[in-house]
Amino acid sequence: MNNSIHLEDDSMCYACGKKNEKGLHLTFAFSEKDKSVETKFVPSEAHQGWKGIVHGGIIATLMDEAMAKLVHFMGYHAVTASLDVRYKSVAKTLEALTVRAEVSKVAKRLIYTKAIASAGDGKVVAEAHAKLMVY
């Protein structure tokens, strides 16, 4: 059985796709030295759950995309196999979030990553750990 999949970027990714009119349009700065990426995002009211508070799914998406983009920049073809998110504080709409991701460990078929989402004042909003499966 062939478990291989073909990963193709058609610029419609919800998180980073330039052609996706309803997407987040994230861009990432990659540090080859630190093996890390960083992105900034200002959530609008369209990204809220409760009034004025960013929906947790949006925060999870930001961190998941950062970790996936990082391993892509490192030359791997991988998809998220598991994602564990821990929310530490609320994020407010219209206030910038910074998400930073780095690799913890590279194994044969799995890459272990972590991400932190922080508010503009540096307060940690959420942390995530993910395993990405290499194809």
C-alpha atoms as a PDB file:
ATOM      1  CA  MET A   1       0.000   0.000   0.000  1.00  0.00           C
ATOM      2  CA  ASN A   2       1.318   3.450  -0.927  1.00  0.00           C
ATOM      3  CA  ASN A   3       0.664   5.935   1.897  1.00  0.00           C
ATOM      4  CA  SER A   4       2.430   8.722   0.033  1.00  0.00           C
ATOM      5  CA  ILE A   5       0.477  11.882  -0.726  1.00  0.00           C
ATOM      6  CA  HIS A   6       1.297  14.765  -3.019  1.00  0.00           C
ATOM      7  CA  LEU A   7       1.384  18.123  -1.222  1.00  0.00           C
ATOM      8  CA  GLU A   8       0.693  20.997  -3.610  1.00  0.00           C
ATOM      9  CA  ASP A   9       0.388  24.704  -2.788  1.00  0.00           C
ATOM     10  CA  ASP A  10      -2.267  26.402  -4.917  1.00  0.00           C
ATOM     11  CA  SER A  11      -2.228  29.641  -2.825  1.00  0.00           C
ATOM     12  CA  MET A  12      -5.689  28.880  -1.367  1.00  0.00           C
ATOM     13  CA  CYS A  13      -4.552  27.847   2.131  1.00  0.00           C
ATOM     14  CA  TYR A  14      -6.869  29.422   4.703  1.00  0.00           C
ATOM     15  CA  ALA A  15      -3.916  30.508   6.833  1.00  0.00           C
ATOM     16  CA  CYS A  16      -1.327  31.698   4.299  1.00  0.00           C
ATOM     17  CA  GLY A  17      -2.876  31.556   0.830  1.00  0.00           C
ATOM     18  CA  LYS A  18      -2.502  34.763  -1.136  1.00  0.00           C
ATOM     19  CA  LYS A  19      -5.460  33.890  -3.398  1.00  0.00           C
ATOM     20  CA  ASN A  20      -7.856  33.019  -0.566  1.00  0.00           C
ATOM     21  CA  GLU A  21     -10.055  36.101  -0.173  1.00  0.00           C
ATOM     22  CA  LYS A  22     -11.388  34.889   3.197  1.00  0.00           C
ATOM     23  CA  GLY A  23      -8.042  33.662   4.512  1.00  0.00           C
ATOM     24  CA  LEU A  24      -5.705  35.065   7.150  1.00  0.00           C
ATOM     25  CA  HIS A  25      -2.905  35.937   4.667  1.00  0.00           C
ATOM     26  CA  LEU A  26      -0.134  35.102   7.121  1.00  0.00           C
ATOM     27  CA  THR A  27       3.469  35.704   6.150  1.00  0.00           C
ATOM     28  CA  PHE A  28       6.429  34.197   7.975  1.00  0.00           C
ATOM     29  CA  ALA A  29       9.993  35.195   8.752  1.00  0.00           C
ATOM     30  CA  PHE A  30      12.260  32.142   8.813  1.00  0.00           C
ATOM     31  CA  SER A  31      15.487  32.064  10.832  1.00  0.00           C
ATOM     32  CA  GLU A  32      17.723  29.333   9.495  1.00  0.00           C
ATOM     33  CA  LYS A  33      20.152  29.925  12.367  1.00  0.00           C
ATOM     34  CA  ASP A  34      17.495  29.355  15.066  1.00  0.00           C
ATOM     35  CA  LYS A  35      15.388  26.926  12.994  1.00  0.00           C
ATOM     36  CA  SER A  36      12.344  29.032  13.832  1.00  0.00           C
ATOM     37  CA  VAL A  37       9.605  31.086  12.196  1.00  0.00           C
ATOM     38  CA  GLU A  38       7.623  34.062  13.356  1.00  0.00           C
ATOM     39  CA  THR A  39       4.439  35.731  12.155  1.00  0.00           C
ATOM     40  CA  LYS A  40       2.324  38.621  13.348  1.00  0.00           C
ATOM     41  CA  PHE A  41      -1.455  38.803  13.018  1.00  0.00           C
ATOM     42  CA  VAL A  42      -4.027  41.391  14.034  1.00  0.00           C
ATOM     43  CA  PRO A  43      -7.353  39.594  14.564  1.00  0.00           C
ATOM     44  CA  SER A  44     -10.485  41.485  13.567  1.00  0.00           C
ATOM     45  CA  GLU A  45     -13.971  41.155  14.996  1.00  0.00           C
ATOM     46  CA  ALA A  46     -14.571  38.501  12.324  1.00  0.00           C
ATOM     47  CA  HIS A  47     -12.111  36.305  14.268  1.00  0.00           C
ATOM     48  CA  GLN A  48     -13.856  36.507  17.624  1.00  0.00           C
ATOM     49  CA  GLY A  49     -15.730  33.966  19.708  1.00  0.00           C
ATOM     50  CA  TRP A  50     -17.055  35.993  22.621  1.00  0.00           C
ATOM     51  CA  LYS A  51     -17.277  39.735  21.996  1.00  0.00           C
ATOM     52  CA  GLY A  52     -13.796  41.218  21.832  1.00  0.00           C
ATOM     53  CA  ILE A  53     -12.032  37.883  22.406  1.00  0.00           C
ATOM     54  CA  VAL A  54     -10.275  35.952  19.642  1.00  0.00           C
ATOM     55  CA  HIS A  55     -11.770  32.514  18.965  1.00  0.00           C
ATOM     56  CA  GLY A  56      -9.529  29.726  20.245  1.00  0.00           C
ATOM     57  CA  GLY A  57      -9.708  27.971  16.891  1.00  0.00           C
ATOM     58  CA  ILE A  58      -8.094  30.971  15.211  1.00  0.00           C
ATOM     59  CA  ILE A  59      -5.257  30.928  17.750  1.00  0.00           C
ATOM     60  CA  ALA A  60      -4.786  27.184  17.205  1.00  0.00           C
ATOM     61  CA  THR A  61      -4.744  27.773  13.444  1.00  0.00           C
ATOM     62  CA  LEU A  62      -2.029  30.428  13.777  1.00  0.00           C
ATOM     63  CA  MET A  63       0.197  28.110  15.780  1.00  0.00           C
ATOM     64  CA  ASP A  64      -0.503  25.049  13.610  1.00  0.00           C
ATOM     65  CA  GLU A  65       0.362  26.990  10.469  1.00  0.00           C
ATOM     66  CA  ALA A  66       3.554  28.369  12.013  1.00  0.00           C
ATOM     67  CA  MET A  67       4.760  24.875  12.887  1.00  0.00           C
ATOM     68  CA  ALA A  68       3.834  23.485   9.466  1.00  0.00           C
ATOM     69  CA  LYS A  69       5.426  26.417   7.643  1.00  0.00           C
ATOM     70  CA  LEU A  70       8.607  25.980   9.677  1.00  0.00           C
ATOM     71  CA  VAL A  71       9.148  22.363   8.631  1.00  0.00           C
ATOM     72  CA  HIS A  72       8.331  23.351   5.028  1.00  0.00           C
ATOM     73  CA  PHE A  73      11.035  26.051   5.139  1.00  0.00           C
ATOM     74  CA  MET A  74      13.399  23.376   6.458  1.00  0.00           C
ATOM     75  CA  GLY A  75      12.759  21.311   3.320  1.00  0.00           C
ATOM     76  CA  TYR A  76      10.338  18.700   4.622  1.00  0.00           C
ATOM     77  CA  HIS A  77       6.993  17.690   3.091  1.00  0.00           C
ATOM     78  CA  ALA A  78       4.856  17.113   6.179  1.00  0.00           C
ATOM     79  CA  VAL A  79       1.347  17.487   7.594  1.00  0.00           C
ATOM     80  CA  THR A  80       0.145  17.829  11.173  1.00  0.00           C
ATOM     81  CA  ALA A  81      -0.395  14.430  12.780  1.00  0.00           C
ATOM     82  CA  SER A  82      -1.294  15.721  16.249  1.00  0.00           C
ATOM     83  CA  LEU A  83      -1.768  19.115  17.844  1.00  0.00           C
ATOM     84  CA  ASP A  84      -1.971  19.897  21.562  1.00  0.00           C
ATOM     85  CA  VAL A  85      -2.938  23.466  22.506  1.00  0.00           C
ATOM     86  CA  ARG A  86      -2.874  24.994  25.977  1.00  0.00           C
ATOM     87  CA  TYR A  87      -4.578  28.365  26.374  1.00  0.00           C
ATOM     88  CA  LYS A  88      -3.008  30.627  29.008  1.00  0.00           C
ATOM     89  CA  SER A  89      -4.898  33.897  28.579  1.00  0.00           C
ATOM     90  CA  VAL A  90      -7.447  35.508  26.282  1.00  0.00           C
ATOM     91  CA  ALA A  91      -6.372  37.348  23.147  1.00  0.00           C
ATOM     92  CA  LYS A  92      -8.277  40.492  22.325  1.00  0.00           C
ATOM     93  CA  THR A  93      -9.515  41.383  18.878  1.00  0.00           C
ATOM     94  CA  LEU A  94      -7.769  44.293  17.148  1.00  0.00           C
ATOM     95  CA  GLU A  95      -4.583  43.650  19.177  1.00  0.00           C
ATOM     96  CA  ALA A  96      -1.543  42.136  17.469  1.00  0.00           C
ATOM     97  CA  LEU A  97      -0.504  38.568  18.175  1.00  0.00           C
ATOM     98  CA  THR A  98       2.986  37.224  17.551  1.00  0.00           C
ATOM     99  CA  VAL A  99       3.436  33.511  16.938  1.00  0.00           C
ATOM    100  CA  ARG A 100       6.842  31.863  17.055  1.00  0.00           C
ATOM    101  CA  ALA A 101       7.504  28.204  16.261  1.00  0.00           C
ATOM    102  CA  GLU A 102      10.577  26.024  16.553  1.00  0.00           C
ATOM    103  CA  VAL A 103      11.572  22.402  16.097  1.00  0.00           C
ATOM    104  CA  SER A 104      12.140  20.307  19.207  1.00  0.00           C
ATOM    105  CA  LYS A 105      13.210  17.038  17.561  1.00  0.00           C
ATOM    106  CA  VAL A 106      13.443  15.397  14.149  1.00  0.00           C
ATOM    107  CA  ALA A 107      12.855  11.649  13.988  1.00  0.00           C
ATOM    108  CA  LYS A 108      12.554   9.333  10.997  1.00  0.00           C
ATOM    109  CA  ARG A 109       8.915  10.080  10.037  1.00  0.00           C
ATOM    110  CA  LEU A 110       7.914  12.605  12.716  1.00  0.00           C
ATOM    111  CA  ILE A 111       9.014  16.151  13.430  1.00  0.00           C
ATOM    112  CA  TYR A 112       8.235  17.483  16.904  1.00  0.00           C
ATOM    113  CA  THR A 113       7.518  21.207  17.080  1.00  0.00           C
ATOM    114  CA  LYS A 114       6.341  23.826  19.539  1.00  0.00           C
ATOM    115  CA  ALA A 115       4.776  27.260  19.183  1.00  0.00           C
ATOM    116  CA  ILE A 116       3.941  30.191  21.415  1.00  0.00           C
ATOM    117  CA  ALA A 117       1.339  32.880  20.702  1.00  0.00           C
ATOM    118  CA  SER A 118       1.949  36.154  22.557  1.00  0.00           C
ATOM    119  CA  ALA A 119       0.035  39.397  22.887  1.00  0.00           C
ATOM    120  CA  GLY A 120       1.634  42.744  22.100  1.00  0.00           C
ATOM    121  CA  ASP A 121       2.735  43.176  25.715  1.00  0.00           C
ATOM    122  CA  GLY A 122       4.560  39.831  25.581  1.00  0.00           C
ATOM    123  CA  LYS A 123       1.985  37.956  27.660  1.00  0.00           C
ATOM    124  CA  VAL A 124       1.686  34.332  26.506  1.00  0.00           C
ATOM    125  CA  VAL A 125      -1.800  33.659  25.145  1.00  0.00           C
ATOM    126  CA  ALA A 126      -1.290  30.019  24.163  1.00  0.00           C
ATOM    127  CA  GLU A 127       1.291  27.293  23.694  1.00  0.00           C
ATOM    128  CA  ALA A 128       1.156  24.344  21.333  1.00  0.00           C
ATOM    129  CA  HIS A 129       3.062  21.161  20.616  1.00  0.00           C
ATOM    130  CA  ALA A 130       2.637  19.261  17.387  1.00  0.00           C
ATOM    131  CA  LYS A 131       3.913  16.179  15.652  1.00  0.00           C
ATOM    132  CA  LEU A 132       4.178  16.515  11.878  1.00  0.00           C
ATOM    133  CA  MET A 133       4.301  13.421   9.703  1.00  0.00           C
ATOM    134  CA  VAL A 134       6.851  13.494   6.897  1.00  0.00           C
ATOM    135  CA  TYR A 135       5.752  12.274   3.451  1.00  0.00           C
END
